[in-house]
Amino acid sequence: MKCVICKGDDITLNTVDEQIAVGNDIVLIRLELPVCSQCGERYYDRRAMKRIEEIRAKGRERALVVEEVGKVLRPKVAATEAWAA
C-alpha cells in the first residue's frame, strides 16, 4: 500500500492516541492504526471509526467514564486586546 499523501511505501501498524473533541473537552483514545512512517498519515478502518463514533456518542450523553490526565490552558485576554504578531 502506498500513502495517498506522500506516496511513501512504509505504512506500518502503530498504536496512536487519537484526540476526540467532546464539547469543550478532548478525550484521548488509544487505537491501533496503519500509519505512514514518512508523513504520519493515519488510515482508519471501520472498527476504528466505530470506536470513535461510540466515544463521541457516550460523550454527548455524558455516559463516558474518563480520568483527568492533564489540562489545556490558554491566556485570558480582554476582548479589545489584540494578539501581537
N, C-alpha and C. Protein backbone atom coordinates (compact mmCIF):
# COMPACT_ATOMS: atom_id res chain seq x y z
N MET A 1 0.85 -1.18 0.00
CA MET A 1 0.00 0.00 0.00
C MET A 1 0.89 1.24 0.00
N LYS A 2 0.57 2.20 -0.83
CA LYS A 2 1.30 3.47 -0.88
C LYS A 2 0.47 4.55 -0.18
N CYS A 3 1.15 5.47 0.46
CA CYS A 3 0.49 6.58 1.14
C CYS A 3 -0.16 7.50 0.10
N VAL A 4 -1.40 7.89 0.37
CA VAL A 4 -2.10 8.77 -0.56
C VAL A 4 -1.59 10.21 -0.49
N ILE A 5 -0.88 10.56 0.57
CA ILE A 5 -0.38 11.92 0.73
C ILE A 5 1.02 12.07 0.13
N CYS A 6 1.97 11.26 0.63
CA CYS A 6 3.37 11.45 0.23
C CYS A 6 3.88 10.38 -0.74
N LYS A 7 3.03 9.40 -1.05
CA LYS A 7 3.37 8.29 -1.95
C LYS A 7 4.44 7.37 -1.37
N GLY A 8 4.74 7.50 -0.08
CA GLY A 8 5.68 6.61 0.58
C GLY A 8 5.11 5.20 0.67
N ASP A 9 5.98 4.22 0.79
CA ASP A 9 5.50 2.84 0.84
C ASP A 9 5.79 2.14 2.17
N ASP A 10 6.10 2.91 3.22
CA ASP A 10 6.37 2.34 4.53
C ASP A 10 5.22 2.66 5.48
N ILE A 11 4.12 1.90 5.36
CA ILE A 11 2.96 2.07 6.22
C ILE A 11 2.92 0.89 7.16
N THR A 12 2.98 1.18 8.47
CA THR A 12 3.02 0.12 9.47
C THR A 12 1.92 0.32 10.50
N LEU A 13 1.56 -0.77 11.16
CA LEU A 13 0.55 -0.73 12.20
C LEU A 13 1.19 -0.15 13.46
N ASN A 14 0.63 0.95 13.97
CA ASN A 14 1.15 1.63 15.17
C ASN A 14 0.03 1.88 16.15
N THR A 15 0.38 1.97 17.41
CA THR A 15 -0.56 2.38 18.43
C THR A 15 -0.47 3.89 18.58
N VAL A 16 -1.62 4.56 18.44
CA VAL A 16 -1.65 6.02 18.49
C VAL A 16 -2.73 6.48 19.48
N ASP A 17 -2.55 7.68 20.02
CA ASP A 17 -3.57 8.31 20.85
C ASP A 17 -4.34 9.27 19.97
N GLU A 18 -5.59 8.94 19.71
CA GLU A 18 -6.45 9.78 18.87
C GLU A 18 -7.17 10.78 19.76
N GLN A 19 -7.24 12.03 19.32
CA GLN A 19 -7.92 13.08 20.09
C GLN A 19 -9.34 13.22 19.58
N ILE A 20 -10.31 13.07 20.48
CA ILE A 20 -11.72 13.19 20.14
C ILE A 20 -12.29 14.39 20.89
N ALA A 21 -12.85 15.34 20.15
CA ALA A 21 -13.47 16.50 20.79
C ALA A 21 -14.85 16.11 21.30
N VAL A 22 -15.07 16.37 22.59
CA VAL A 22 -16.37 16.13 23.22
C VAL A 22 -16.73 17.42 23.95
N GLY A 23 -17.56 18.24 23.33
CA GLY A 23 -17.85 19.55 23.89
C GLY A 23 -16.59 20.39 23.91
N ASN A 24 -16.25 20.95 25.07
CA ASN A 24 -15.03 21.73 25.23
C ASN A 24 -13.84 20.88 25.66
N ASP A 25 -14.05 19.58 25.77
CA ASP A 25 -13.01 18.69 26.25
C ASP A 25 -12.41 17.87 25.11
N ILE A 26 -11.24 17.34 25.34
CA ILE A 26 -10.56 16.43 24.42
C ILE A 26 -10.40 15.10 25.14
N VAL A 27 -10.87 14.03 24.50
CA VAL A 27 -10.73 12.69 25.05
C VAL A 27 -9.70 11.95 24.20
N LEU A 28 -8.71 11.36 24.86
CA LEU A 28 -7.70 10.58 24.15
C LEU A 28 -8.10 9.11 24.19
N ILE A 29 -8.14 8.48 23.01
CA ILE A 29 -8.37 7.04 22.97
C ILE A 29 -7.22 6.40 22.22
N ARG A 30 -6.84 5.25 22.69
CA ARG A 30 -5.72 4.53 22.09
C ARG A 30 -6.27 3.60 21.00
N LEU A 31 -5.72 3.74 19.79
CA LEU A 31 -6.12 2.93 18.65
C LEU A 31 -4.90 2.33 17.99
N GLU A 32 -5.08 1.19 17.36
CA GLU A 32 -4.03 0.59 16.56
C GLU A 32 -4.41 0.82 15.10
N LEU A 33 -3.59 1.63 14.39
CA LEU A 33 -3.90 2.05 13.03
C LEU A 33 -2.69 1.91 12.12
N PRO A 34 -2.93 1.72 10.83
CA PRO A 34 -1.83 1.85 9.87
C PRO A 34 -1.44 3.32 9.77
N VAL A 35 -0.13 3.61 9.86
CA VAL A 35 0.37 4.97 9.83
C VAL A 35 1.56 5.03 8.88
N CYS A 36 1.60 6.06 8.04
CA CYS A 36 2.74 6.26 7.14
C CYS A 36 3.93 6.75 7.98
N SER A 37 5.06 6.06 7.86
CA SER A 37 6.23 6.45 8.66
C SER A 37 6.91 7.69 8.11
N GLN A 38 6.59 8.09 6.88
CA GLN A 38 7.22 9.29 6.30
C GLN A 38 6.47 10.57 6.64
N CYS A 39 5.14 10.56 6.50
CA CYS A 39 4.40 11.81 6.72
C CYS A 39 3.43 11.74 7.90
N GLY A 40 3.20 10.55 8.45
CA GLY A 40 2.32 10.43 9.62
C GLY A 40 0.85 10.27 9.30
N GLU A 41 0.49 10.17 8.03
CA GLU A 41 -0.92 9.99 7.65
C GLU A 41 -1.46 8.72 8.29
N ARG A 42 -2.66 8.84 8.89
CA ARG A 42 -3.30 7.70 9.54
C ARG A 42 -4.41 7.16 8.66
N TYR A 43 -4.59 5.84 8.70
CA TYR A 43 -5.63 5.19 7.91
C TYR A 43 -6.59 4.48 8.85
N TYR A 44 -7.87 4.87 8.79
CA TYR A 44 -8.89 4.40 9.72
C TYR A 44 -9.75 3.34 9.05
N ASP A 45 -9.87 2.18 9.71
CA ASP A 45 -10.76 1.15 9.20
C ASP A 45 -12.13 1.29 9.88
N ARG A 46 -13.07 0.44 9.51
CA ARG A 46 -14.42 0.53 10.07
C ARG A 46 -14.44 0.34 11.58
N ARG A 47 -13.61 -0.56 12.08
CA ARG A 47 -13.56 -0.82 13.51
C ARG A 47 -13.10 0.42 14.28
N ALA A 48 -12.08 1.10 13.78
CA ALA A 48 -11.57 2.31 14.43
C ALA A 48 -12.62 3.42 14.38
N MET A 49 -13.27 3.58 13.23
CA MET A 49 -14.29 4.63 13.11
C MET A 49 -15.48 4.34 14.02
N LYS A 50 -15.85 3.07 14.15
CA LYS A 50 -16.95 2.72 15.05
C LYS A 50 -16.60 3.07 16.49
N ARG A 51 -15.36 2.79 16.89
CA ARG A 51 -14.90 3.11 18.25
C ARG A 51 -14.94 4.62 18.49
N ILE A 52 -14.48 5.40 17.52
CA ILE A 52 -14.51 6.87 17.63
C ILE A 52 -15.94 7.36 17.75
N GLU A 53 -16.85 6.84 16.93
CA GLU A 53 -18.26 7.25 16.98
C GLU A 53 -18.90 6.88 18.32
N GLU A 54 -18.55 5.71 18.87
CA GLU A 54 -19.08 5.30 20.18
C GLU A 54 -18.63 6.26 21.28
N ILE A 55 -17.36 6.64 21.24
CA ILE A 55 -16.83 7.58 22.25
C ILE A 55 -17.54 8.92 22.15
N ARG A 56 -17.71 9.42 20.93
CA ARG A 56 -18.42 10.71 20.74
C ARG A 56 -19.85 10.64 21.26
N ALA A 57 -20.55 9.56 20.95
CA ALA A 57 -21.93 9.41 21.40
C ALA A 57 -22.01 9.35 22.92
N LYS A 58 -21.16 8.57 23.55
CA LYS A 58 -21.16 8.49 25.01
C LYS A 58 -20.80 9.83 25.63
N GLY A 59 -19.90 10.57 25.00
CA GLY A 59 -19.53 11.89 25.50
C GLY A 59 -20.69 12.86 25.45
N ARG A 60 -21.44 12.83 24.35
CA ARG A 60 -22.61 13.71 24.24
C ARG A 60 -23.67 13.36 25.28
N GLU A 61 -23.80 12.07 25.58
CA GLU A 61 -24.80 11.61 26.54
C GLU A 61 -24.31 11.73 27.99
N ARG A 62 -23.09 12.16 28.18
CA ARG A 62 -22.44 12.24 29.49
C ARG A 62 -22.38 10.87 30.15
N ALA A 63 -22.23 9.81 29.34
CA ALA A 63 -22.15 8.45 29.85
C ALA A 63 -20.73 7.90 29.75
N LEU A 64 -19.80 8.75 29.43
CA LEU A 64 -18.42 8.34 29.24
C LEU A 64 -17.65 8.50 30.56
N VAL A 65 -17.07 7.43 31.03
CA VAL A 65 -16.28 7.47 32.26
C VAL A 65 -14.84 7.80 31.85
N VAL A 66 -14.31 8.91 32.38
CA VAL A 66 -12.98 9.37 32.00
C VAL A 66 -12.15 9.68 33.24
N GLU A 67 -10.86 9.81 33.03
CA GLU A 67 -9.98 10.28 34.09
C GLU A 67 -9.20 11.47 33.55
N GLU A 68 -8.91 12.43 34.40
CA GLU A 68 -8.14 13.60 34.00
C GLU A 68 -6.66 13.23 33.95
N VAL A 69 -6.03 13.55 32.81
CA VAL A 69 -4.60 13.25 32.66
C VAL A 69 -3.78 14.51 32.46
N GLY A 70 -4.40 15.64 32.48
CA GLY A 70 -3.71 16.91 32.30
C GLY A 70 -4.71 18.01 32.03
N LYS A 71 -4.21 19.17 31.74
CA LYS A 71 -5.09 20.30 31.45
C LYS A 71 -4.53 21.07 30.28
N VAL A 72 -5.43 21.67 29.54
CA VAL A 72 -5.05 22.59 28.48
C VAL A 72 -5.43 23.98 28.96
N LEU A 73 -4.48 24.89 28.92
CA LEU A 73 -4.71 26.24 29.41
C LEU A 73 -4.41 27.24 28.30
N ARG A 74 -5.07 28.38 28.35
CA ARG A 74 -4.75 29.47 27.43
C ARG A 74 -4.81 30.77 28.20
N PRO A 75 -4.05 31.76 27.75
CA PRO A 75 -4.06 33.04 28.46
C PRO A 75 -5.41 33.73 28.31
N LYS A 76 -5.85 34.35 29.36
CA LYS A 76 -7.10 35.08 29.33
C LYS A 76 -6.79 36.49 28.85
N VAL A 77 -7.41 36.89 27.75
CA VAL A 77 -7.16 38.22 27.19
C VAL A 77 -8.46 39.00 27.12
N ALA A 78 -8.36 40.30 27.24
CA ALA A 78 -9.53 41.15 27.12
C ALA A 78 -10.00 41.14 25.66
N ALA A 79 -11.29 41.33 25.46
CA ALA A 79 -11.87 41.29 24.12
C ALA A 79 -11.26 42.33 23.19
N THR A 80 -10.79 43.45 23.75
CA THR A 80 -10.23 44.51 22.92
C THR A 80 -8.73 44.37 22.70
N GLU A 81 -8.11 43.45 23.43
CA GLU A 81 -6.66 43.28 23.31
C GLU A 81 -6.33 42.52 22.03
N ALA A 82 -5.42 43.04 21.26
CA ALA A 82 -5.03 42.40 20.00
C ALA A 82 -3.84 41.47 20.25
N TRP A 83 -3.78 40.40 19.50
CA TRP A 83 -2.65 39.47 19.59
C TRP A 83 -1.45 40.09 18.89
N ALA A 84 -0.31 40.01 19.54
CA ALA A 84 0.93 40.51 18.93
C ALA A 84 1.38 39.54 17.86
N ALA A 85 1.86 40.06 16.76
CA ALA A 85 2.29 39.20 15.66
C ALA A 85 3.68 38.70 15.86
